C-alpha atoms as a PDB file:
ATOM      1  CA  MET A   1       4.284  -5.968   3.496  1.00  0.00           C
ATOM      2  CA  ASN A   2       4.700  -6.544   7.233  1.00  0.00           C
ATOM      3  CA  ILE A   3       7.660  -8.072   9.031  1.00  0.00           C
ATOM      4  CA  CYS A   4       6.847 -10.762  11.595  1.00  0.00           C
ATOM      5  CA  PRO A   5       8.353  -9.695  14.933  1.00  0.00           C
ATOM      6  CA  THR A   6       9.050 -13.344  15.787  1.00  0.00           C
ATOM      7  CA  CYS A   7      10.720 -14.864  12.715  1.00  0.00           C
ATOM      8  CA  ARG A   8      11.637 -11.492  11.084  1.00  0.00           C
ATOM      9  CA  ASN A   9      10.378 -12.641   7.677  1.00  0.00           C
ATOM     10  CA  GLU A  10       8.253 -10.366   5.483  1.00  0.00           C
ATOM     11  CA  TYR A  11       4.651 -11.273   4.660  1.00  0.00           C
ATOM     12  CA  GLN A  12       1.946  -9.789   2.461  1.00  0.00           C
ATOM     13  CA  ARG A  13      -0.685 -10.994   4.959  1.00  0.00           C
ATOM     14  CA  LEU A  14       0.840 -11.209   8.398  1.00  0.00           C
ATOM     15  CA  GLY A  15      -2.479 -12.160   9.977  1.00  0.00           C
ATOM     16  CA  GLN A  16      -2.647 -15.239   7.782  1.00  0.00           C
ATOM     17  CA  HIS A  17       0.926 -16.125   8.751  1.00  0.00           C
ATOM     18  CA  PHE A  18      -0.109 -16.147  12.426  1.00  0.00           C
ATOM     19  CA  ALA A  19      -3.381 -17.959  11.686  1.00  0.00           C
ATOM     20  CA  LEU A  20      -1.523 -20.823   9.991  1.00  0.00           C
ATOM     21  CA  GLY A  21       0.435 -21.344  13.185  1.00  0.00           C
ATOM     22  CA  SER A  22       3.814 -20.511  11.682  1.00  0.00           C
ATOM     23  CA  CYS A  23       4.498 -18.132  14.594  1.00  0.00           C
ATOM     24  CA  ASP A  24       2.587 -17.152  17.726  1.00  0.00           C
ATOM     25  CA  ARG A  25       1.163 -13.661  17.960  1.00  0.00           C
ATOM     26  CA  PRO A  26       3.425 -11.694  20.327  1.00  0.00           C
ATOM     27  CA  GLU A  27       1.970  -9.590  23.129  1.00  0.00           C
ATOM     28  CA  LEU A  28       1.703  -5.897  22.361  1.00  0.00           C
ATOM     29  CA  SER A  29       4.367  -3.598  23.784  1.00  0.00           C
ATOM     30  CA  ASN A  30       3.378  -0.951  26.335  1.00  0.00           C
ATOM     31  CA  TYR A  31       3.674   1.667  23.572  1.00  0.00           C
ATOM     32  CA  GLN A  32       1.379  -0.296  21.246  1.00  0.00           C
ATOM     33  CA  GLN A  33      -1.082  -0.929  24.082  1.00  0.00           C
ATOM     34  CA  SER A  34      -1.168   2.789  24.915  1.00  0.00           C
ATOM     35  CA  LEU A  35      -1.765   3.745  21.287  1.00  0.00           C
ATOM     36  CA  VAL A  36      -4.515   1.139  20.943  1.00  0.00           C
ATOM     37  CA  GLN A  37      -6.213   2.619  24.014  1.00  0.00           C
ATOM     38  CA  PHE A  38      -5.971   6.061  22.424  1.00  0.00           C
ATOM     39  CA  VAL A  39      -7.572   5.063  19.109  1.00  0.00           C
ATOM     40  CA  VAL A  40     -10.309   3.135  20.940  1.00  0.00           C
ATOM     41  CA  LEU A  41     -11.147   6.249  22.982  1.00  0.00           C
ATOM     42  CA  ARG A  42     -11.114   8.229  19.768  1.00  0.00           C
ATOM     43  CA  GLY A  43     -13.554   5.890  17.984  1.00  0.00           C
ATOM     44  CA  ALA A  44     -11.775   2.899  16.417  1.00  0.00           C
ATOM     45  CA  SER A  45     -14.308   0.197  15.601  1.00  0.00           C
ATOM     46  CA  ALA A  46     -13.923  -3.475  16.490  1.00  0.00           C
ATOM     47  CA  GLN A  47     -14.562  -6.144  13.885  1.00  0.00           C
ATOM     48  CA  SER A  48     -14.744  -9.879  14.458  1.00  0.00           C
ATOM     49  CA  ASP A  49     -12.563 -12.096  12.288  1.00  0.00           C
ATOM     50  CA  GLU A  50     -13.733 -15.620  13.114  1.00  0.00           C
ATOM     51  CA  SER A  51     -12.148 -16.382  16.509  1.00  0.00           C
ATOM     52  CA  LEU A  52     -10.273 -13.089  17.043  1.00  0.00           C
ATOM     53  CA  SER A  53     -11.138  -9.398  16.752  1.00  0.00           C
ATOM     54  CA  ARG A  54      -9.342  -6.589  14.938  1.00  0.00           C
ATOM     55  CA  LEU A  55      -9.671  -2.817  14.909  1.00  0.00           C
ATOM     56  CA  GLU A  56     -10.344  -0.364  12.115  1.00  0.00           C
ATOM     57  CA  VAL A  57      -9.015   3.165  12.601  1.00  0.00           C
ATOM     58  CA  GLY A  58     -10.332   5.922  10.346  1.00  0.00           C
ATOM     59  CA  GLY A  59     -10.025   9.667   9.840  1.00  0.00           C
ATOM     60  CA  SER A  60      -9.928  12.460   7.297  1.00  0.00           C
ATOM     61  CA  SER A  61      -6.199  13.169   7.699  1.00  0.00           C
ATOM     62  CA  GLU A  62      -4.160  10.837   5.513  1.00  0.00           C
ATOM     63  CA  ASP A  63      -0.939  11.906   7.249  1.00  0.00           C
ATOM     64  CA  TRP A  64      -2.367  11.154  10.685  1.00  0.00           C
ATOM     65  CA  ILE A  65      -3.659   7.732   9.675  1.00  0.00           C
ATOM     66  CA  GLN A  66      -0.277   6.889   8.125  1.00  0.00           C
ATOM     67  CA  ALA A  67       1.560   8.091  11.232  1.00  0.00           C
ATOM     68  CA  VAL A  68      -0.570   5.988  13.594  1.00  0.00           C
ATOM     69  CA  SER A  69      -0.247   2.958  11.333  1.00  0.00           C
ATOM     70  CA  ASN A  70       3.531   3.362  11.303  1.00  0.00           C
ATOM     71  CA  ALA A  71       3.640   3.830  15.070  1.00  0.00           C
ATOM     72  CA  LEU A  72       1.679   0.634  15.710  1.00  0.00           C
ATOM     73  CA  GLY A  73       4.205  -1.316  13.645  1.00  0.00           C
ATOM     74  CA  TRP A  74       3.591  -4.959  12.774  1.00  0.00           C
ATOM     75  CA  ILE A  75       0.076  -5.014  14.237  1.00  0.00           C
ATOM     76  CA  ALA A  76      -1.232  -2.523  11.614  1.00  0.00           C
ATOM     77  CA  ASN A  77      -1.997  -3.190   7.954  1.00  0.00           C
ATOM     78  CA  ASP A  78      -1.320  -0.620   5.236  1.00  0.00           C
ATOM     79  CA  PRO A  79      -3.715   2.389   5.085  1.00  0.00           C
ATOM     80  CA  PHE A  80      -6.338   2.617   2.357  1.00  0.00           C
ATOM     81  CA  VAL A  81      -9.057   4.978   1.132  1.00  0.00           C
ATOM     82  CA  LYS A  82     -12.270   3.918   2.850  1.00  0.00           C
ATOM     83  CA  GLN A  83     -14.533   6.507   1.211  1.00  0.00           C
ATOM     84  CA  SER A  84     -13.751   9.233  -1.280  1.00  0.00           C
ATOM     85  CA  ALA A  85     -15.027  12.747  -0.627  1.00  0.00           C
ATOM     86  CA  THR A  86     -17.536  12.279  -3.455  1.00  0.00           C
ATOM     87  CA  ASP A  87     -18.829   9.026  -1.934  1.00  0.00           C
ATOM     88  CA  VAL A  88     -19.237  10.696   1.476  1.00  0.00           C
ATOM     89  CA  TYR A  89     -21.112  13.578  -0.171  1.00  0.00           C
ATOM     90  CA  ASP A  90     -23.388  11.219  -2.123  1.00  0.00           C
ATOM     91  CA  HIS A  91     -24.087   9.151   0.992  1.00  0.00           C
ATOM     92  CA  CYS A  92     -25.137  12.249   2.946  1.00  0.00           C
ATOM     93  CA  ARG A  93     -27.346  13.352   0.052  1.00  0.00           C
ATOM     94  CA  GLU A  94     -29.093   9.961   0.177  1.00  0.00           C
ATOM     95  CA  LEU A  95     -29.631  10.211   3.932  1.00  0.00           C
ATOM     96  CA  TYR A  96     -30.744  13.868   3.884  1.00  0.00           C
ATOM     97  CA  PRO A  97     -32.124  14.631   0.391  1.00  0.00           C
ATOM     98  CA  ASP A  98     -33.587  17.987   1.445  1.00  0.00           C
ATOM     99  CA  ALA A  99     -30.371  19.327   2.983  1.00  0.00           C
ATOM    100  CA  ASN A 100     -28.281  21.904   1.137  1.00  0.00           C
ATOM    101  CA  PHE A 101     -24.759  20.452   1.326  1.00  0.00           C
ATOM    102  CA  ASN A 102     -21.629  22.129  -0.034  1.00  0.00           C
ATOM    103  CA  LYS A 103     -19.647  19.398  -1.786  1.00  0.00           C
ATOM    104  CA  ASP A 104     -16.369  21.230  -1.101  1.00  0.00           C
ATOM    105  CA  ASN A 105     -16.846  20.701   2.633  1.00  0.00           C
ATOM    106  CA  PHE A 106     -16.556  16.910   2.393  1.00  0.00           C
ATOM    107  CA  GLU A 107     -13.263  15.062   2.879  1.00  0.00           C
ATOM    108  CA  THR A 108     -11.941  11.654   1.900  1.00  0.00           C
ATOM    109  CA  ILE A 109     -11.939   9.093   4.735  1.00  0.00           C
ATOM    110  CA  HIS A 110      -8.692   7.162   5.150  1.00  0.00           C
ATOM    111  CA  ALA A 111      -8.351   4.067   7.311  1.00  0.00           C
ATOM    112  CA  PHE A 112      -6.273   1.070   8.261  1.00  0.00           C
ATOM    113  CA  THR A 113      -7.074  -2.193  10.005  1.00  0.00           C
ATOM    114  CA  THR A 114      -5.046  -4.186  12.483  1.00  0.00           C
ATOM    115  CA  ILE A 115      -4.369  -7.871  12.186  1.00  0.00           C
ATOM    116  CA  PRO A 116      -6.576 -10.061  14.416  1.00  0.00           C
ATOM    117  CA  HIS A 117      -5.146 -10.256  17.929  1.00  0.00           C
ATOM    118  CA  PRO A 118      -6.410 -11.455  21.353  1.00  0.00           C
ATOM    119  CA  THR A 119      -5.898  -7.923  22.750  1.00  0.00           C
ATOM    120  CA  PHE A 120      -8.848  -6.638  20.712  1.00  0.00           C
ATOM    121  CA  ASP A 121     -11.228  -9.213  22.198  1.00  0.00           C
ATOM    122  CA  GLU A 122     -10.784  -7.440  25.533  1.00  0.00           C
ATOM    123  CA  LEU A 123      -9.986  -3.902  24.376  1.00  0.00           C
ATOM    124  CA  ASN A 124     -12.383  -2.640  21.717  1.00  0.00           C
ATOM    125  CA  ASP A 125     -14.593  -0.161  23.584  1.00  0.00           C
ATOM    126  CA  PRO A 126     -13.868   2.751  25.972  1.00  0.00           C
ATOM    127  CA  THR A 127     -15.683   0.856  28.737  1.00  0.00           C
ATOM    128  CA  ASP A 128     -12.924  -1.772  28.511  1.00  0.00           C
ATOM    129  CA  ILE A 129     -10.328   0.822  29.578  1.00  0.00           C
ATOM    130  CA  ASP A 130     -10.402   0.937  33.352  1.00  0.00           C
ATOM    131  CA  ARG A 131      -7.143   2.842  33.960  1.00  0.00           C
ATOM    132  CA  PRO A 132      -5.534   4.272  30.793  1.00  0.00           C
ATOM    133  CA  GLU A 133      -1.771   4.214  30.416  1.00  0.00           C
ATOM    134  CA  PRO A 134       0.039   7.521  31.111  1.00  0.00           C
ATOM    135  CA  LEU A 135       1.012   7.707  27.428  1.00  0.00           C
ATOM    136  CA  THR A 136      -2.653   7.372  26.489  1.00  0.00           C
ATOM    137  CA  LEU A 137      -3.583  10.250  28.794  1.00  0.00           C
ATOM    138  CA  ARG A 138      -0.743  12.330  27.379  1.00  0.00           C
ATOM    139  CA  TRP A 139      -1.978  11.904  23.805  1.00  0.00           C
ATOM    140  CA  VAL A 140      -5.595  12.643  24.757  1.00  0.00           C
ATOM    141  CA  VAL A 141      -4.598  15.839  26.582  1.00  0.00           C
ATOM    142  CA  GLN A 142      -2.264  16.904  23.762  1.00  0.00           C
ATOM    143  CA  ARG A 143      -4.913  16.415  21.107  1.00  0.00           C
ATOM    144  CA  ARG A 144      -8.080  17.484  22.924  1.00  0.00           C
ATOM    145  CA  GLY A 145      -6.896  19.639  25.825  1.00  0.00           C
ATOM    146  CA  THR A 146      -7.005  23.413  26.171  1.00  0.00           C
ATOM    147  CA  PHE A 147      -5.973  25.379  29.261  1.00  0.00           C
ATOM    148  CA  VAL A 148      -8.620  28.032  29.865  1.00  0.00           C
ATOM    149  CA  GLY A 149      -7.495  31.012  31.883  1.00  0.00           C
ATOM    150  CA  THR A 150      -4.401  33.137  32.392  1.00  0.00           C
ATOM    151  CA  VAL A 151      -2.154  32.623  35.414  1.00  0.00           C
ATOM    152  CA  PHE A 152      -4.842  30.404  36.946  1.00  0.00           C
ATOM    153  CA  GLY A 153      -7.607  28.491  35.213  1.00  0.00           C
ATOM    154  CA  SER A 154      -8.704  24.987  34.319  1.00  0.00           C
ATOM    155  CA  LEU A 155      -7.807  22.281  31.829  1.00  0.00           C
ATOM    156  CA  HIS A 156     -10.665  21.521  29.422  1.00  0.00           C
ATOM    157  CA  VAL A 157     -10.496  18.125  27.663  1.00  0.00           C
ATOM    158  CA  ASP A 158     -13.046  18.270  24.850  1.00  0.00           C
ATOM    159  CA  LEU A 159     -14.257  14.740  24.048  1.00  0.00           C
ATOM    160  CA  ARG A 160     -17.252  15.696  21.916  1.00  0.00           C
ATOM    161  CA  GLY A 161     -17.276  13.499  18.836  1.00  0.00           C
ATOM    162  CA  TRP A 162     -15.155  10.809  20.491  1.00  0.00           C
ATOM    163  CA  ASP A 163     -16.389   7.395  21.649  1.00  0.00           C
ATOM    164  CA  VAL A 164     -15.427   7.973  25.274  1.00  0.00           C
ATOM    165  CA  SER A 165     -17.932  10.030  27.252  1.00  0.00           C
ATOM    166  CA  GLY A 166     -17.052  12.729  29.721  1.00  0.00           C
ATOM    167  CA  GLU A 167     -18.398  10.562  32.534  1.00  0.00           C
ATOM    168  CA  GLN A 168     -16.140   7.655  31.539  1.00  0.00           C
ATOM    169  CA  PHE A 169     -13.073   9.884  31.227  1.00  0.00           C
ATOM    170  CA  ARG A 170     -13.718  11.502  34.617  1.00  0.00           C
ATOM    171  CA  ALA A 171     -13.738   8.021  36.157  1.00  0.00           C
ATOM    172  CA  MET A 172     -10.434   7.224  34.415  1.00  0.00           C
ATOM    173  CA  LEU A 173      -8.848  10.397  35.796  1.00  0.00           C
ATOM    174  CA  ASP A 174     -10.218   9.634  39.255  1.00  0.00           C
ATOM    175  CA  ARG A 175      -8.420   6.279  39.199  1.00  0.00           C
ATOM    176  CA  HIS A 176      -5.215   8.222  38.565  1.00  0.00           C
ATOM    177  CA  GLY A 177      -6.005  10.453  41.546  1.00  0.00           C
ATOM    178  CA  ILE A 178      -6.949  13.468  39.387  1.00  0.00           C
ATOM    179  CA  GLU A 179     -10.019  15.489  40.401  1.00  0.00           C
ATOM    180  CA  SER A 180     -12.463  16.923  37.879  1.00  0.00           C
ATOM    181  CA  VAL A 181     -15.487  19.201  38.246  1.00  0.00           C
ATOM    182  CA  GLU A 182     -18.812  19.372  36.415  1.00  0.00           C
ATOM    183  CA  TYR A 183     -21.200  22.164  35.483  1.00  0.00           C
ATOM    184  CA  GLU A 184     -24.411  21.572  37.445  1.00  0.00           C
ATOM    185  CA  GLY A 185     -26.727  24.010  35.742  1.00  0.00           C
ATOM    186  CA  GLU A 186     -27.125  27.746  35.482  1.00  0.00           C
ATOM    187  CA  GLY A 187     -26.599  29.441  38.834  1.00  0.00           C
ATOM    188  CA  ASP A 188     -25.241  26.302  40.519  1.00  0.00           C
ATOM    189  CA  SER A 189     -21.656  26.415  39.181  1.00  0.00           C
ATOM    190  CA  ILE A 190     -19.893  29.766  39.287  1.00  0.00           C
ATOM    191  CA  ASP A 191     -16.458  30.180  37.721  1.00  0.00           C
ATOM    192  CA  THR A 192     -13.537  30.881  40.039  1.00  0.00           C
ATOM    193  CA  PHE A 193      -9.866  31.528  39.324  1.00  0.00           C
ATOM    194  CA  THR A 194      -9.096  27.810  39.543  1.00  0.00           C
ATOM    195  CA  GLU A 195     -12.331  26.312  38.188  1.00  0.00           C
ATOM    196  CA  ARG A 196     -13.606  27.391  34.757  1.00  0.00           C
ATOM    197  CA  TYR A 197     -16.733  25.341  34.048  1.00  0.00           C
ATOM    198  CA  HIS A 198     -18.089  24.123  30.717  1.00  0.00           C
ATOM    199  CA  ARG A 199     -21.748  23.425  29.994  1.00  0.00           C
ATOM    200  CA  SER A 200     -21.123  20.222  27.992  1.00  0.00           C
ATOM    201  CA  ASP A 201     -20.891  16.976  29.969  1.00  0.00           C
ATOM    202  CA  ASP A 202     -18.358  15.743  27.411  1.00  0.00           C
ATOM    203  CA  VAL A 203     -15.894  18.556  28.095  1.00  0.00           C
ATOM    204  CA  VAL A 204     -14.005  17.321  31.151  1.00  0.00           C
ATOM    205  CA  VAL A 205     -12.849  20.161  33.407  1.00  0.00           C
ATOM    206  CA  VAL A 206      -9.788  19.619  35.608  1.00  0.00           C
ATOM    207  CA  PRO A 207      -9.300  22.457  38.134  1.00  0.00           C
ATOM    208  CA  HIS A 208      -6.030  24.360  38.202  1.00  0.00           C
ATOM    209  CA  TYR A 209      -3.942  22.547  40.786  1.00  0.00           C
ATOM    210  CA  ASP A 210      -5.038  19.067  39.682  1.00  0.00           C
ATOM    211  CA  ALA A 211      -4.384  20.137  36.089  1.00  0.00           C
ATOM    212  CA  VAL A 212      -0.842  21.185  37.016  1.00  0.00           C
ATOM    213  CA  ASP A 213      -0.275  17.833  38.754  1.00  0.00           C
ATOM    214  CA  LEU A 214      -1.653  15.986  35.726  1.00  0.00           C
ATOM    215  CA  LEU A 215       0.543  17.889  33.275  1.00  0.00           C
ATOM    216  CA  ASP A 216       3.608  17.359  35.476  1.00  0.00           C
ATOM    217  CA  GLY A 217       2.871  13.636  35.632  1.00  0.00           C
ATOM    218  CA  LEU A 218       2.524  13.484  31.846  1.00  0.00           C
ATOM    219  CA  ASP A 219       5.656  15.612  31.295  1.00  0.00           C
ATOM    220  CA  LEU A 220       3.656  18.259  29.422  1.00  0.00           C
ATOM    221  CA  GLU A 221       4.374  21.982  29.609  1.00  0.00           C
ATOM    222  CA  LEU A 222       1.408  24.244  30.349  1.00  0.00           C
ATOM    223  CA  SER A 223       2.380  26.351  27.333  1.00  0.00           C
ATOM    224  CA  ALA A 224       1.785  23.333  25.082  1.00  0.00           C
ATOM    225  CA  ILE A 225      -1.969  23.472  25.682  1.00  0.00           C
ATOM    226  CA  ALA A 226      -2.520  27.111  26.602  1.00  0.00           C
ATOM    227  CA  GLU A 227      -4.135  27.639  23.210  1.00  0.00           C
ATOM    228  CA  THR A 228      -6.473  25.472  21.175  1.00  0.00           C
ATOM    229  CA  ILE A 229      -4.477  22.600  19.685  1.00  0.00           C
ATOM    230  CA  GLU A 230      -4.907  20.562  16.528  1.00  0.00           C
ATOM    231  CA  ARG A 231      -8.075  18.549  16.586  1.00  0.00           C
ATOM    232  CA  GLY A 232      -8.326  14.994  15.319  1.00  0.00           C
END
């Protein structure tokens, strides 16, 4: 059950309540907008629902999916099991019959959908995010960032497996005035105290002083990302 933020009544299907014209869909708050940007960068998929789009957010961590659903508030429907671990295993066996899979390595996929909203017609792909909100950057760095080095070093933001590419994220940082560097091939990019390169294009490297400025701007302590953090 969701509570309508306009009339404050509780509805089993809040999207239907808006569709019937009982209340207008409110604009998303800055917090909701930031979190939507984050899940879109992470890989949320857009789905069309007649005239408006909605998002589906999925992952293997039930706690994480529940937490994001709760944080989005009225815009998010209740989480559900999208695929059991057995179904995921069976699906992979169908796709790759000759592979030797260990069934214990497969996890249940949990998900939730949002209600249809005009925001998702314009924000459903990383290319739609020209300049991410500071909160969005903070969550990306917290979840995918590692500071590589000791006293000096570089911030590595590992976006492998996400929908946003390293090239796209570098452009986003550039619009915030944050410099990044790229590995240009063996022999062309030599590590220094302030620039620790990575061979993958989807691991964005922010050199030391820009990394410090970025972390200061996001109100993040260097110690928070000095070691590998939880991956999602």
